Amino acid sequence: IFNLLGIDTTEVLEAAGTKWNFLKFRPGLVGGH
């Protein structure tokens, strides 16, 4: 979504992550067994 809007996702997550109960997951490839 943010890519379509021209917003840097990492920067958004860093800002949202300042709230104590925000779970700091990051986007990426999800593999592994």
PDB file of all heavy atoms in Angstrom:
ATOM      1  N   ILE A   1       0.834  -1.212   0.000  1.00  0.00           N
ATOM      2  CA  ILE A   1       0.000   0.000   0.000  1.00  0.00           C
ATOM      3  C   ILE A   1       0.863   1.255   0.000  1.00  0.00           C
ATOM      4  O   ILE A   1       0.660   2.170  -0.812  1.00  0.00           O
ATOM      5  CB  ILE A   1      -0.946  -0.003   1.222  1.00  0.00           C
ATOM      6  CG1 ILE A   1      -1.956  -1.148   1.119  1.00  0.00           C
ATOM      7  CG2 ILE A   1      -1.667   1.340   1.339  1.00  0.00           C
ATOM      8  CD1 ILE A   1      -2.748  -1.372   2.391  1.00  0.00           C
ATOM      9  N   PHE A   2       1.847   1.293   0.900  1.00  0.00           N
ATOM     10  CA  PHE A   2       2.685   2.478   1.028  1.00  0.00           C
ATOM     11  C   PHE A   2       3.548   2.701  -0.207  1.00  0.00           C
ATOM     12  O   PHE A   2       3.864   3.836  -0.554  1.00  0.00           O
ATOM     13  CB  PHE A   2       3.543   2.394   2.283  1.00  0.00           C
ATOM     14  CG  PHE A   2       2.753   2.465   3.565  1.00  0.00           C
ATOM     15  CD1 PHE A   2       3.188   1.807   4.711  1.00  0.00           C
ATOM     16  CD2 PHE A   2       1.575   3.176   3.635  1.00  0.00           C
ATOM     17  CE1 PHE A   2       2.469   1.865   5.889  1.00  0.00           C
ATOM     18  CE2 PHE A   2       0.841   3.247   4.813  1.00  0.00           C
ATOM     19  CZ  PHE A   2       1.285   2.582   5.941  1.00  0.00           C
ATOM     20  N   ASN A   3       3.901   1.621  -0.885  1.00  0.00           N
ATOM     21  CA  ASN A   3       4.658   1.761  -2.132  1.00  0.00           C
ATOM     22  C   ASN A   3       3.835   2.508  -3.177  1.00  0.00           C
ATOM     23  O   ASN A   3       4.342   3.366  -3.900  1.00  0.00           O
ATOM     24  CB  ASN A   3       5.076   0.387  -2.656  1.00  0.00           C
ATOM     25  CG  ASN A   3       5.847   0.467  -3.967  1.00  0.00           C
ATOM     26  OD1 ASN A   3       6.878   1.113  -4.053  1.00  0.00           O
ATOM     27  ND2 ASN A   3       5.337  -0.184  -4.990  1.00  0.00           N
ATOM     28  N   LEU A   4       2.540   2.191  -3.234  1.00  0.00           N
ATOM     29  CA  LEU A   4       1.644   2.884  -4.169  1.00  0.00           C
ATOM     30  C   LEU A   4       1.462   4.353  -3.797  1.00  0.00           C
ATOM     31  O   LEU A   4       1.246   5.205  -4.654  1.00  0.00           O
ATOM     32  CB  LEU A   4       0.284   2.190  -4.205  1.00  0.00           C
ATOM     33  CG  LEU A   4       0.254   0.777  -4.811  1.00  0.00           C
ATOM     34  CD1 LEU A   4      -1.107   0.124  -4.574  1.00  0.00           C
ATOM     35  CD2 LEU A   4       0.576   0.816  -6.295  1.00  0.00           C
ATOM     36  N   LEU A   5       1.570   4.635  -2.497  1.00  0.00           N
ATOM     37  CA  LEU A   5       1.375   5.995  -2.011  1.00  0.00           C
ATOM     38  C   LEU A   5       2.660   6.802  -1.938  1.00  0.00           C
ATOM     39  O   LEU A   5       2.646   7.977  -1.553  1.00  0.00           O
ATOM     40  CB  LEU A   5       0.721   5.961  -0.623  1.00  0.00           C
ATOM     41  CG  LEU A   5      -0.649   5.278  -0.523  1.00  0.00           C
ATOM     42  CD1 LEU A   5      -1.144   5.294   0.917  1.00  0.00           C
ATOM     43  CD2 LEU A   5      -1.657   5.951  -1.451  1.00  0.00           C
ATOM     44  N   GLY A   6       3.783   6.164  -2.278  1.00  0.00           N
ATOM     45  CA  GLY A   6       5.065   6.856  -2.239  1.00  0.00           C
ATOM     46  C   GLY A   6       5.578   7.111  -0.834  1.00  0.00           C
ATOM     47  O   GLY A   6       6.276   8.090  -0.577  1.00  0.00           O
ATOM     48  N   ILE A   7       5.243   6.229   0.082  1.00  0.00           N
ATOM     49  CA  ILE A   7       5.666   6.350   1.476  1.00  0.00           C
ATOM     50  C   ILE A   7       6.650   5.235   1.801  1.00  0.00           C
ATOM     51  O   ILE A   7       6.451   4.084   1.401  1.00  0.00           O
ATOM     52  CB  ILE A   7       4.455   6.276   2.432  1.00  0.00           C
ATOM     53  CG1 ILE A   7       3.434   7.368   2.110  1.00  0.00           C
ATOM     54  CG2 ILE A   7       4.901   6.387   3.892  1.00  0.00           C
ATOM     55  CD1 ILE A   7       2.131   7.232   2.887  1.00  0.00           C
ATOM     56  N   ASP A   8       7.712   5.551   2.541  1.00  0.00           N
ATOM     57  CA  ASP A   8       8.712   4.569   2.944  1.00  0.00           C
ATOM     58  C   ASP A   8       8.171   3.754   4.125  1.00  0.00           C
ATOM     59  O   ASP A   8       7.950   4.283   5.221  1.00  0.00           O
ATOM     60  CB  ASP A   8      10.017   5.261   3.340  1.00  0.00           C
ATOM     61  CG  ASP A   8      11.155   4.265   3.573  1.00  0.00           C
ATOM     62  OD1 ASP A   8      11.032   3.409   4.471  1.00  0.00           O
ATOM     63  OD2 ASP A   8      12.168   4.341   2.859  1.00  0.00           O
ATOM     64  N   THR A   9       7.955   2.470   3.916  1.00  0.00           N
ATOM     65  CA  THR A   9       7.355   1.607   4.928  1.00  0.00           C
ATOM     66  C   THR A   9       8.201   1.530   6.192  1.00  0.00           C
ATOM     67  O   THR A   9       7.677   1.564   7.309  1.00  0.00           O
ATOM     68  CB  THR A   9       7.138   0.187   4.374  1.00  0.00           C
ATOM     69  OG1 THR A   9       6.368   0.265   3.174  1.00  0.00           O
ATOM     70  CG2 THR A   9       6.399  -0.685   5.376  1.00  0.00           C
ATOM     71  N   THR A  10       9.511   1.421   6.020  1.00  0.00           N
ATOM     72  CA  THR A  10      10.401   1.329   7.184  1.00  0.00           C
ATOM     73  C   THR A  10      10.274   2.559   8.071  1.00  0.00           C
ATOM     74  O   THR A  10      10.234   2.461   9.298  1.00  0.00           O
ATOM     75  CB  THR A  10      11.857   1.143   6.726  1.00  0.00           C
ATOM     76  OG1 THR A  10      11.970  -0.073   5.976  1.00  0.00           O
ATOM     77  CG2 THR A  10      12.800   1.064   7.930  1.00  0.00           C
ATOM     78  N   GLU A  11      10.177   3.722   7.458  1.00  0.00           N
ATOM     79  CA  GLU A  11      10.038   4.955   8.232  1.00  0.00           C
ATOM     80  C   GLU A  11       8.706   4.993   8.977  1.00  0.00           C
ATOM     81  O   GLU A  11       8.628   5.472  10.116  1.00  0.00           O
ATOM     82  CB  GLU A  11      10.180   6.161   7.315  1.00  0.00           C
ATOM     83  CG  GLU A  11      11.597   6.332   6.755  1.00  0.00           C
ATOM     84  CD  GLU A  11      11.727   7.471   5.766  1.00  0.00           C
ATOM     85  OE1 GLU A  11      10.679   8.015   5.336  1.00  0.00           O
ATOM     86  OE2 GLU A  11      12.871   7.821   5.407  1.00  0.00           O
ATOM     87  N   VAL A  12       7.652   4.467   8.334  1.00  0.00           N
ATOM     88  CA  VAL A  12       6.346   4.393   8.987  1.00  0.00           C
ATOM     89  C   VAL A  12       6.402   3.466  10.203  1.00  0.00           C
ATOM     90  O   VAL A  12       5.911   3.794  11.285  1.00  0.00           O
ATOM     91  CB  VAL A  12       5.260   3.908   8.014  1.00  0.00           C
ATOM     92  CG1 VAL A  12       3.922   3.737   8.748  1.00  0.00           C
ATOM     93  CG2 VAL A  12       5.094   4.874   6.858  1.00  0.00           C
ATOM     94  N   LEU A  13       7.026   2.319  10.026  1.00  0.00           N
ATOM     95  CA  LEU A  13       7.118   1.342  11.113  1.00  0.00           C
ATOM     96  C   LEU A  13       7.960   1.870  12.271  1.00  0.00           C
ATOM     97  O   LEU A  13       7.665   1.605  13.440  1.00  0.00           O
ATOM     98  CB  LEU A  13       7.690   0.023  10.597  1.00  0.00           C
ATOM     99  CG  LEU A  13       6.804  -0.743   9.603  1.00  0.00           C
ATOM    100  CD1 LEU A  13       7.547  -1.934   9.032  1.00  0.00           C
ATOM    101  CD2 LEU A  13       5.514  -1.206  10.269  1.00  0.00           C
ATOM    102  N   GLU A  14       9.017   2.608  11.945  1.00  0.00           N
ATOM    103  CA  GLU A  14       9.833   3.212  12.995  1.00  0.00           C
ATOM    104  C   GLU A  14       9.030   4.224  13.805  1.00  0.00           C
ATOM    105  O   GLU A  14       9.157   4.299  15.030  1.00  0.00           O
ATOM    106  CB  GLU A  14      11.070   3.870  12.384  1.00  0.00           C
ATOM    107  CG  GLU A  14      12.111   2.870  11.895  1.00  0.00           C
ATOM    108  CD  GLU A  14      13.242   3.532  11.138  1.00  0.00           C
ATOM    109  OE1 GLU A  14      13.145   4.753  10.857  1.00  0.00           O
ATOM    110  OE2 GLU A  14      14.227   2.834  10.797  1.00  0.00           O
ATOM    111  N   ALA A  15       8.196   4.991  13.129  1.00  0.00           N
ATOM    112  CA  ALA A  15       7.353   5.968  13.824  1.00  0.00           C
ATOM    113  C   ALA A  15       6.287   5.273  14.671  1.00  0.00           C
ATOM    114  O   ALA A  15       6.098   5.601  15.848  1.00  0.00           O
ATOM    115  CB  ALA A  15       6.697   6.907  12.809  1.00  0.00           C
ATOM    116  N   ALA A  16       5.606   4.282  14.075  1.00  0.00           N
ATOM    117  CA  ALA A  16       4.565   3.551  14.805  1.00  0.00           C
ATOM    118  C   ALA A  16       5.144   2.762  15.973  1.00  0.00           C
ATOM    119  O   ALA A  16       4.492   2.575  17.003  1.00  0.00           O
ATOM    120  CB  ALA A  16       3.819   2.612  13.859  1.00  0.00           C
ATOM    121  N   GLY A  17       6.375   2.321  15.815  1.00  0.00           N
ATOM    122  CA  GLY A  17       7.033   1.527  16.840  1.00  0.00           C
ATOM    123  C   GLY A  17       7.339   2.268  18.124  1.00  0.00           C
ATOM    124  O   GLY A  17       7.736   1.656  19.115  1.00  0.00           O
ATOM    125  N   THR A  18       7.151   3.569  18.120  1.00  0.00           N
ATOM    126  CA  THR A  18       7.367   4.341  19.346  1.00  0.00           C
ATOM    127  C   THR A  18       6.242   4.129  20.352  1.00  0.00           C
ATOM    128  O   THR A  18       6.387   4.502  21.520  1.00  0.00           O
ATOM    129  CB  THR A  18       7.502   5.842  19.035  1.00  0.00           C
ATOM    130  OG1 THR A  18       6.295   6.305  18.384  1.00  0.00           O
ATOM    131  CG2 THR A  18       8.692   6.104  18.130  1.00  0.00           C
ATOM    132  N   LYS A  19       5.109   3.559  19.914  1.00  0.00           N
ATOM    133  CA  LYS A  19       4.041   3.234  20.854  1.00  0.00           C
ATOM    134  C   LYS A  19       4.368   1.918  21.550  1.00  0.00           C
ATOM    135  O   LYS A  19       4.784   0.949  20.923  1.00  0.00           O
ATOM    136  CB  LYS A  19       2.700   3.134  20.127  1.00  0.00           C
ATOM    137  CG  LYS A  19       1.519   3.050  21.080  1.00  0.00           C
ATOM    138  CD  LYS A  19       0.181   2.978  20.378  1.00  0.00           C
ATOM    139  CE  LYS A  19      -0.963   2.927  21.381  1.00  0.00           C
ATOM    140  NZ  LYS A  19      -2.284   2.769  20.756  1.00  0.00           N
ATOM    141  N   TRP A  20       4.126   1.888  22.893  1.00  0.00           N
ATOM    142  CA  TRP A  20       4.589   0.789  23.711  1.00  0.00           C
ATOM    143  C   TRP A  20       4.027  -0.566  23.317  1.00  0.00           C
ATOM    144  O   TRP A  20       4.673  -1.590  23.523  1.00  0.00           O
ATOM    145  CB  TRP A  20       4.265   1.063  25.189  1.00  0.00           C
ATOM    146  CG  TRP A  20       2.798   0.918  25.527  1.00  0.00           C
ATOM    147  CD1 TRP A  20       2.169  -0.208  25.987  1.00  0.00           C
ATOM    148  CD2 TRP A  20       1.768   1.903  25.388  1.00  0.00           C
ATOM    149  NE1 TRP A  20       0.812   0.019  26.152  1.00  0.00           N
ATOM    150  CE2 TRP A  20       0.547   1.319  25.806  1.00  0.00           C
ATOM    151  CE3 TRP A  20       1.753   3.241  24.974  1.00  0.00           C
ATOM    152  CZ2 TRP A  20      -0.655   2.002  25.796  1.00  0.00           C
ATOM    153  CZ3 TRP A  20       0.550   3.928  24.978  1.00  0.00           C
ATOM    154  CH2 TRP A  20      -0.629   3.303  25.387  1.00  0.00           C
ATOM    155  N   ASN A  21       2.803  -0.597  22.754  1.00  0.00           N
ATOM    156  CA  ASN A  21       2.173  -1.882  22.460  1.00  0.00           C
ATOM    157  C   ASN A  21       2.147  -2.224  20.978  1.00  0.00           C
ATOM    158  O   ASN A  21       1.431  -3.132  20.560  1.00  0.00           O
ATOM    159  CB  ASN A  21       0.752  -1.941  23.037  1.00  0.00           C
ATOM    160  CG  ASN A  21      -0.172  -0.894  22.444  1.00  0.00           C
ATOM    161  OD1 ASN A  21       0.264   0.009  21.715  1.00  0.00           O
ATOM    162  ND2 ASN A  21      -1.457  -0.992  22.758  1.00  0.00           N
ATOM    163  N   PHE A  22       2.939  -1.501  20.184  1.00  0.00           N
ATOM    164  CA  PHE A  22       3.038  -1.819  18.761  1.00  0.00           C
ATOM    165  C   PHE A  22       4.034  -2.952  18.563  1.00  0.00           C
ATOM    166  O   PHE A  22       5.159  -2.899  19.080  1.00  0.00           O
ATOM    167  CB  PHE A  22       3.472  -0.590  17.959  1.00  0.00           C
ATOM    168  CG  PHE A  22       3.501  -0.827  16.468  1.00  0.00           C
ATOM    169  CD1 PHE A  22       2.349  -0.703  15.723  1.00  0.00           C
ATOM    170  CD2 PHE A  22       4.678  -1.182  15.823  1.00  0.00           C
ATOM    171  CE1 PHE A  22       2.362  -0.922  14.355  1.00  0.00           C
ATOM    172  CE2 PHE A  22       4.706  -1.396  14.455  1.00  0.00           C
ATOM    173  CZ  PHE A  22       3.550  -1.274  13.722  1.00  0.00           C
ATOM    174  N   LEU A  23       3.619  -3.986  17.836  1.00  0.00           N
ATOM    175  CA  LEU A  23       4.494  -5.122  17.563  1.00  0.00           C
ATOM    176  C   LEU A  23       5.384  -4.803  16.372  1.00  0.00           C
ATOM    177  O   LEU A  23       4.891  -4.545  15.276  1.00  0.00           O
ATOM    178  CB  LEU A  23       3.659  -6.381  17.276  1.00  0.00           C
ATOM    179  CG  LEU A  23       2.721  -6.823  18.403  1.00  0.00           C
ATOM    180  CD1 LEU A  23       1.884  -8.016  17.966  1.00  0.00           C
ATOM    181  CD2 LEU A  23       3.508  -7.154  19.652  1.00  0.00           C
ATOM    182  N   LYS A  24       6.702  -4.819  16.578  1.00  0.00           N
ATOM    183  CA  LYS A  24       7.645  -4.315  15.586  1.00  0.00           C
ATOM    184  C   LYS A  24       8.057  -5.381  14.563  1.00  0.00           C
ATOM    185  O   LYS A  24       9.222  -5.767  14.455  1.00  0.00           O
ATOM    186  CB  LYS A  24       8.875  -3.736  16.285  1.00  0.00           C
ATOM    187  CG  LYS A  24       8.551  -2.543  17.180  1.00  0.00           C
ATOM    188  CD  LYS A  24       9.781  -1.987  17.859  1.00  0.00           C
ATOM    189  CE  LYS A  24       9.412  -0.828  18.777  1.00  0.00           C
ATOM    190  NZ  LYS A  24      10.599  -0.265  19.475  1.00  0.00           N
ATOM    191  N   PHE A  25       7.070  -5.866  13.813  1.00  0.00           N
ATOM    192  CA  PHE A  25       7.379  -6.754  12.701  1.00  0.00           C
ATOM    193  C   PHE A  25       7.781  -5.931  11.481  1.00  0.00           C
ATOM    194  O   PHE A  25       7.351  -4.787  11.318  1.00  0.00           O
ATOM    195  CB  PHE A  25       6.182  -7.638  12.360  1.00  0.00           C
ATOM    196  CG  PHE A  25       5.923  -8.707  13.379  1.00  0.00           C
ATOM    197  CD1 PHE A  25       5.062  -8.477  14.440  1.00  0.00           C
ATOM    198  CD2 PHE A  25       6.547  -9.934  13.288  1.00  0.00           C
ATOM    199  CE1 PHE A  25       4.824  -9.452  15.391  1.00  0.00           C
ATOM    200  CE2 PHE A  25       6.310 -10.917  14.232  1.00  0.00           C
ATOM    201  CZ  PHE A  25       5.451 -10.675  15.286  1.00  0.00           C
ATOM    202  N   ARG A  26       8.627  -6.523  10.630  1.00  0.00           N
ATOM    203  CA  ARG A  26       9.087  -5.840   9.424  1.00  0.00           C
ATOM    204  C   ARG A  26       8.663  -6.639   8.198  1.00  0.00           C
ATOM    205  O   ARG A  26       8.517  -7.864   8.261  1.00  0.00           O
ATOM    206  CB  ARG A  26      10.609  -5.678   9.438  1.00  0.00           C
ATOM    207  CG  ARG A  26      11.124  -4.836  10.594  1.00  0.00           C
ATOM    208  CD  ARG A  26      12.625  -4.814  10.618  1.00  0.00           C
ATOM    209  NE  ARG A  26      13.182  -4.049   9.504  1.00  0.00           N
ATOM    210  CZ  ARG A  26      13.443  -2.759   9.540  1.00  0.00           C
ATOM    211  NH1 ARG A  26      13.207  -2.079  10.641  1.00  0.00           N
ATOM    212  NH2 ARG A  26      13.972  -2.134   8.488  1.00  0.00           N
ATOM    213  N   PRO A  27       8.468  -5.978   7.074  1.00  0.00           N
ATOM    214  CA  PRO A  27       8.111  -6.709   5.857  1.00  0.00           C
ATOM    215  C   PRO A  27       9.279  -7.549   5.356  1.00  0.00           C
ATOM    216  O   PRO A  27      10.432  -7.288   5.695  1.00  0.00           O
ATOM    217  CB  PRO A  27       7.770  -5.583   4.870  1.00  0.00           C
ATOM    218  CG  PRO A  27       8.554  -4.402   5.350  1.00  0.00           C
ATOM    219  CD  PRO A  27       8.579  -4.519   6.847  1.00  0.00           C
ATOM    220  N   GLY A  28       8.980  -8.550   4.540  1.00  0.00           N
ATOM    221  CA  GLY A  28      10.044  -9.371   3.982  1.00  0.00           C
ATOM    222  C   GLY A  28       9.535 -10.674   3.418  1.00  0.00           C
ATOM    223  O   GLY A  28       8.332 -10.951   3.377  1.00  0.00           O
ATOM    224  N   LEU A  29      10.465 -11.503   2.967  1.00  0.00           N
ATOM    225  CA  LEU A  29      10.154 -12.832   2.469  1.00  0.00           C
ATOM    226  C   LEU A  29       9.977 -13.761   3.668  1.00  0.00           C
ATOM    227  O   LEU A  29      10.798 -13.760   4.577  1.00  0.00           O
ATOM    228  CB  LEU A  29      11.287 -13.343   1.573  1.00  0.00           C
ATOM    229  CG  LEU A  29      11.687 -12.454   0.396  1.00  0.00           C
ATOM    230  CD1 LEU A  29      12.876 -13.059  -0.331  1.00  0.00           C
ATOM    231  CD2 LEU A  29      10.525 -12.248  -0.558  1.00  0.00           C
ATOM    232  N   VAL A  30       8.941 -14.542   3.662  1.00  0.00           N
ATOM    233  CA  VAL A  30       8.648 -15.420   4.792  1.00  0.00           C
ATOM    234  C   VAL A  30       8.808 -16.866   4.357  1.00  0.00           C
ATOM    235  O   VAL A  30       7.908 -17.473   3.777  1.00  0.00           O
ATOM    236  CB  VAL A  30       7.230 -15.181   5.342  1.00  0.00           C
ATOM    237  CG1 VAL A  30       7.031 -15.977   6.634  1.00  0.00           C
ATOM    238  CG2 VAL A  30       7.001 -13.701   5.600  1.00  0.00           C
ATOM    239  N   GLY A  31       9.983 -17.421   4.620  1.00  0.00           N
ATOM    240  CA  GLY A  31      10.269 -18.805   4.267  1.00  0.00           C
ATOM    241  C   GLY A  31      10.686 -19.591   5.492  1.00  0.00           C
ATOM    242  O   GLY A  31      10.269 -19.310   6.610  1.00  0.00           O
ATOM    243  N   GLY A  32      11.528 -20.582   5.274  1.00  0.00           N
ATOM    244  CA  GLY A  32      11.971 -21.419   6.379  1.00  0.00           C
ATOM    245  C   GLY A  32      11.033 -22.586   6.579  1.00  0.00           C
ATOM    246  O   GLY A  32       9.881 -22.584   6.139  1.00  0.00           O
ATOM    247  N   HIS A  33      11.513 -23.596   7.282  1.00  0.00           N
ATOM    248  CA  HIS A  33      10.749 -24.823   7.416  1.00  0.00           C
ATOM    249  C   HIS A  33       9.527 -24.667   8.304  1.00  0.00           C
ATOM    250  O   HIS A  33       8.522 -25.321   8.082  1.00  0.00           O
ATOM    251  CB  HIS A  33      11.627 -25.944   7.970  1.00  0.00           C
ATOM    252  CG  HIS A  33      10.886 -27.233   8.104  1.00  0.00           C
ATOM    253  ND1 HIS A  33      10.372 -27.904   7.024  1.00  0.00           N
ATOM    254  CD2 HIS A  33      10.513 -27.940   9.192  1.00  0.00           C
ATOM    255  CE1 HIS A  33       9.727 -28.982   7.443  1.00  0.00           C
ATOM    256  NE2 HIS A  33       9.800 -29.021   8.752  1.00  0.00           N
TER     257      HIS A  33
END
